[in-house]
Amino acid sequence: MPPYSSQIVTGYDIIPITPGAANFSEGPCRALWVEGFGTVDITTLGADGKDTDRDGVPIENGGLFPVQCIKVRAITGITSVWAIY
């Protein structure tokens, strides 16, 4: 999938994510599926084309989090995170 995809189509795969320092091996995901309440620290593609760290992003109900990102660095209070491709 090319960066900055604006297509609204279904994903072709969903992969469980272990938070950490490494970029996703499959490249940028279309969105995240998050279970639980809490916060995530993610790295997005960035509007200017540069990787951008976003810390403490609130997740209130879990579910679909429609942001393309390349890494989940940390979670707090979240049960699990899945990358949608």
N, C-alpha and C. Protein backbone atom coordinates (compact mmCIF):
# COMPACT_ATOMS: atom_id res chain seq x y z
N MET A 1 0.83 -1.17 0.00
CA MET A 1 0.00 0.00 0.00
C MET A 1 0.89 1.24 0.00
N PRO A 2 0.63 2.17 -0.90
CA PRO A 2 1.44 3.39 -0.93
C PRO A 2 1.13 4.28 0.27
N PRO A 3 2.10 5.09 0.70
CA PRO A 3 1.83 6.04 1.79
C PRO A 3 0.71 6.99 1.43
N TYR A 4 0.02 7.51 2.43
CA TYR A 4 -1.06 8.48 2.28
C TYR A 4 -2.20 7.97 1.40
N SER A 5 -2.55 6.74 1.57
CA SER A 5 -3.67 6.19 0.82
C SER A 5 -4.96 6.85 1.26
N SER A 6 -5.74 7.33 0.31
CA SER A 6 -7.03 7.93 0.64
C SER A 6 -8.17 7.01 0.25
N GLN A 7 -7.85 5.79 -0.14
CA GLN A 7 -8.87 4.83 -0.53
C GLN A 7 -9.66 4.39 0.69
N ILE A 8 -10.97 4.24 0.51
CA ILE A 8 -11.80 3.69 1.57
C ILE A 8 -12.26 2.32 1.08
N VAL A 9 -11.49 1.32 1.44
CA VAL A 9 -11.79 -0.05 1.07
C VAL A 9 -11.52 -0.93 2.28
N THR A 10 -12.03 -2.16 2.21
CA THR A 10 -11.80 -3.07 3.32
C THR A 10 -10.34 -3.47 3.38
N GLY A 11 -9.89 -3.87 4.55
CA GLY A 11 -8.54 -4.37 4.71
C GLY A 11 -8.41 -5.78 4.16
N TYR A 12 -7.20 -6.18 3.86
CA TYR A 12 -6.96 -7.53 3.37
C TYR A 12 -6.33 -8.42 4.42
N ASP A 13 -5.90 -7.84 5.56
CA ASP A 13 -5.32 -8.65 6.64
C ASP A 13 -5.36 -7.85 7.92
N ILE A 14 -5.28 -8.56 9.05
CA ILE A 14 -5.20 -7.93 10.37
C ILE A 14 -4.15 -8.69 11.16
N ILE A 15 -3.21 -7.96 11.75
CA ILE A 15 -2.04 -8.57 12.38
C ILE A 15 -1.91 -8.05 13.81
N PRO A 16 -1.74 -8.96 14.79
CA PRO A 16 -1.56 -8.49 16.17
C PRO A 16 -0.24 -7.74 16.30
N ILE A 17 -0.26 -6.69 17.10
CA ILE A 17 0.91 -5.83 17.28
C ILE A 17 1.42 -5.94 18.71
N THR A 18 2.73 -6.11 18.84
CA THR A 18 3.40 -6.00 20.12
C THR A 18 4.08 -4.64 20.15
N PRO A 19 3.67 -3.77 21.08
CA PRO A 19 4.28 -2.43 21.11
C PRO A 19 5.79 -2.50 21.30
N GLY A 20 6.50 -1.56 20.68
CA GLY A 20 7.95 -1.50 20.79
C GLY A 20 8.54 -0.47 19.86
N ALA A 21 9.85 -0.53 19.72
CA ALA A 21 10.58 0.48 18.96
C ALA A 21 10.62 0.21 17.46
N ALA A 22 10.31 -1.01 17.04
CA ALA A 22 10.46 -1.37 15.62
C ALA A 22 9.25 -0.93 14.79
N ASN A 23 9.52 -0.51 13.56
CA ASN A 23 8.45 -0.26 12.60
C ASN A 23 7.75 -1.56 12.26
N PHE A 24 6.50 -1.48 11.84
CA PHE A 24 5.77 -2.67 11.41
C PHE A 24 6.51 -3.30 10.23
N SER A 25 6.73 -4.59 10.28
CA SER A 25 7.47 -5.27 9.21
C SER A 25 6.70 -5.24 7.88
N GLU A 26 5.38 -5.11 7.93
CA GLU A 26 4.56 -5.08 6.72
C GLU A 26 4.40 -3.68 6.15
N GLY A 27 5.01 -2.68 6.79
CA GLY A 27 4.89 -1.30 6.33
C GLY A 27 3.73 -0.59 7.00
N PRO A 28 3.40 0.63 6.55
CA PRO A 28 2.32 1.40 7.17
C PRO A 28 0.98 0.67 7.09
N CYS A 29 0.24 0.68 8.19
CA CYS A 29 -1.08 0.04 8.18
C CYS A 29 -2.14 1.07 7.78
N ARG A 30 -3.32 0.57 7.40
CA ARG A 30 -4.44 1.45 7.06
C ARG A 30 -5.08 2.05 8.30
N ALA A 31 -5.15 1.23 9.36
CA ALA A 31 -5.81 1.63 10.60
C ALA A 31 -5.42 0.65 11.69
N LEU A 32 -5.84 0.95 12.90
CA LEU A 32 -5.63 0.03 14.03
C LEU A 32 -6.98 -0.41 14.57
N TRP A 33 -7.03 -1.62 15.09
CA TRP A 33 -8.17 -2.08 15.87
C TRP A 33 -7.65 -2.20 17.30
N VAL A 34 -8.28 -1.48 18.22
CA VAL A 34 -7.79 -1.39 19.59
C VAL A 34 -8.86 -1.90 20.54
N GLU A 35 -8.45 -2.74 21.49
CA GLU A 35 -9.37 -3.23 22.52
C GLU A 35 -9.03 -2.56 23.84
N GLY A 36 -10.03 -1.99 24.50
CA GLY A 36 -9.85 -1.43 25.82
C GLY A 36 -9.91 0.08 25.86
N PHE A 37 -9.67 0.61 27.05
CA PHE A 37 -9.64 2.04 27.32
C PHE A 37 -8.23 2.41 27.72
N GLY A 38 -7.75 3.55 27.30
CA GLY A 38 -6.41 3.98 27.69
C GLY A 38 -5.80 4.89 26.65
N THR A 39 -4.48 4.77 26.49
CA THR A 39 -3.76 5.59 25.52
C THR A 39 -2.78 4.74 24.72
N VAL A 40 -2.44 5.25 23.55
CA VAL A 40 -1.41 4.63 22.72
C VAL A 40 -0.39 5.69 22.33
N ASP A 41 0.86 5.28 22.24
CA ASP A 41 1.92 6.11 21.67
C ASP A 41 2.23 5.51 20.31
N ILE A 42 1.99 6.29 19.25
CA ILE A 42 2.17 5.78 17.89
C ILE A 42 3.12 6.68 17.10
N THR A 43 3.59 6.15 15.98
CA THR A 43 4.33 6.94 15.00
C THR A 43 3.52 6.91 13.72
N THR A 44 3.10 8.10 13.26
CA THR A 44 2.29 8.21 12.05
C THR A 44 3.20 8.54 10.86
N LEU A 45 2.60 8.54 9.68
CA LEU A 45 3.36 8.91 8.48
C LEU A 45 3.64 10.41 8.45
N GLY A 46 2.86 11.20 9.14
CA GLY A 46 3.07 12.64 9.21
C GLY A 46 2.56 13.35 7.97
N ALA A 47 1.91 14.47 8.18
CA ALA A 47 1.34 15.24 7.07
C ALA A 47 2.41 15.78 6.13
N ASP A 48 3.62 15.99 6.64
CA ASP A 48 4.70 16.53 5.83
C ASP A 48 5.60 15.45 5.24
N GLY A 49 5.18 14.18 5.39
CA GLY A 49 5.96 13.08 4.84
C GLY A 49 7.05 12.59 5.77
N LYS A 50 7.17 13.18 6.94
CA LYS A 50 8.17 12.75 7.92
C LYS A 50 7.46 12.01 9.04
N ASP A 51 8.07 10.91 9.51
CA ASP A 51 7.50 10.16 10.62
C ASP A 51 7.27 11.09 11.79
N THR A 52 6.09 10.98 12.42
CA THR A 52 5.70 11.87 13.50
C THR A 52 5.25 11.07 14.71
N ASP A 53 5.89 11.28 15.85
CA ASP A 53 5.49 10.61 17.09
C ASP A 53 4.29 11.33 17.69
N ARG A 54 3.29 10.55 18.07
CA ARG A 54 2.10 11.06 18.75
C ARG A 54 1.96 10.28 20.05
N ASP A 55 2.13 10.95 21.16
CA ASP A 55 2.12 10.29 22.47
C ASP A 55 0.81 10.54 23.21
N GLY A 56 0.37 9.52 23.95
CA GLY A 56 -0.81 9.66 24.79
C GLY A 56 -2.10 9.85 24.04
N VAL A 57 -2.20 9.25 22.85
CA VAL A 57 -3.43 9.37 22.06
C VAL A 57 -4.55 8.62 22.79
N PRO A 58 -5.64 9.30 23.16
CA PRO A 58 -6.68 8.64 23.96
C PRO A 58 -7.53 7.67 23.15
N ILE A 59 -7.79 6.54 23.75
CA ILE A 59 -8.70 5.54 23.20
C ILE A 59 -9.79 5.35 24.26
N GLU A 60 -11.02 5.75 23.94
CA GLU A 60 -12.06 5.72 24.95
C GLU A 60 -12.91 4.47 24.92
N ASN A 61 -13.22 3.95 23.77
CA ASN A 61 -14.11 2.80 23.68
C ASN A 61 -13.50 1.62 22.95
N GLY A 62 -12.28 1.74 22.52
CA GLY A 62 -11.71 0.69 21.69
C GLY A 62 -12.36 0.73 20.31
N GLY A 63 -12.02 -0.25 19.50
CA GLY A 63 -12.60 -0.33 18.16
C GLY A 63 -11.66 0.21 17.11
N LEU A 64 -12.23 0.66 16.00
CA LEU A 64 -11.46 1.12 14.85
C LEU A 64 -10.82 2.47 15.15
N PHE A 65 -9.53 2.57 14.88
CA PHE A 65 -8.78 3.81 15.02
C PHE A 65 -8.19 4.11 13.65
N PRO A 66 -8.88 4.94 12.84
CA PRO A 66 -8.55 5.10 11.42
C PRO A 66 -7.39 6.06 11.13
N VAL A 67 -6.20 5.70 11.59
CA VAL A 67 -5.01 6.50 11.34
C VAL A 67 -3.92 5.59 10.79
N GLN A 68 -3.34 5.96 9.66
CA GLN A 68 -2.22 5.19 9.13
C GLN A 68 -1.01 5.42 10.02
N CYS A 69 -0.39 4.36 10.44
CA CYS A 69 0.80 4.51 11.26
C CYS A 69 1.82 3.42 10.94
N ILE A 70 3.03 3.63 11.40
CA ILE A 70 4.11 2.69 11.10
C ILE A 70 4.60 1.95 12.33
N LYS A 71 4.11 2.41 13.53
CA LYS A 71 4.58 1.75 14.75
C LYS A 71 3.68 2.13 15.91
N VAL A 72 3.49 1.16 16.82
CA VAL A 72 2.88 1.42 18.12
C VAL A 72 4.01 1.27 19.12
N ARG A 73 4.41 2.38 19.73
CA ARG A 73 5.56 2.35 20.63
C ARG A 73 5.20 1.89 22.03
N ALA A 74 4.01 2.26 22.51
CA ALA A 74 3.61 1.89 23.87
C ALA A 74 2.09 1.97 23.99
N ILE A 75 1.55 1.21 24.95
CA ILE A 75 0.12 1.26 25.27
C ILE A 75 -0.02 1.36 26.79
N THR A 76 -1.09 2.02 27.22
CA THR A 76 -1.41 2.10 28.64
C THR A 76 -2.90 1.82 28.79
N GLY A 77 -3.23 0.76 29.52
CA GLY A 77 -4.62 0.40 29.75
C GLY A 77 -5.30 -0.30 28.60
N ILE A 78 -4.63 -0.47 27.51
CA ILE A 78 -5.18 -1.12 26.32
C ILE A 78 -4.92 -2.62 26.42
N THR A 79 -5.92 -3.43 26.04
CA THR A 79 -5.80 -4.89 26.10
C THR A 79 -4.99 -5.44 24.94
N SER A 80 -5.32 -5.01 23.71
CA SER A 80 -4.59 -5.48 22.54
C SER A 80 -4.73 -4.49 21.39
N VAL A 81 -3.79 -4.58 20.46
CA VAL A 81 -3.77 -3.71 19.27
C VAL A 81 -3.51 -4.59 18.05
N TRP A 82 -4.27 -4.33 17.01
CA TRP A 82 -4.12 -5.05 15.74
C TRP A 82 -3.95 -4.04 14.62
N ALA A 83 -3.04 -4.30 13.69
CA ALA A 83 -2.85 -3.44 12.52
C ALA A 83 -3.70 -3.99 11.38
N ILE A 84 -4.46 -3.12 10.74
CA ILE A 84 -5.30 -3.51 9.59
C ILE A 84 -4.58 -3.08 8.32
N TYR A 85 -4.42 -4.04 7.41
CA TYR A 85 -3.77 -3.78 6.12
C TYR A 85 -4.74 -3.97 4.98
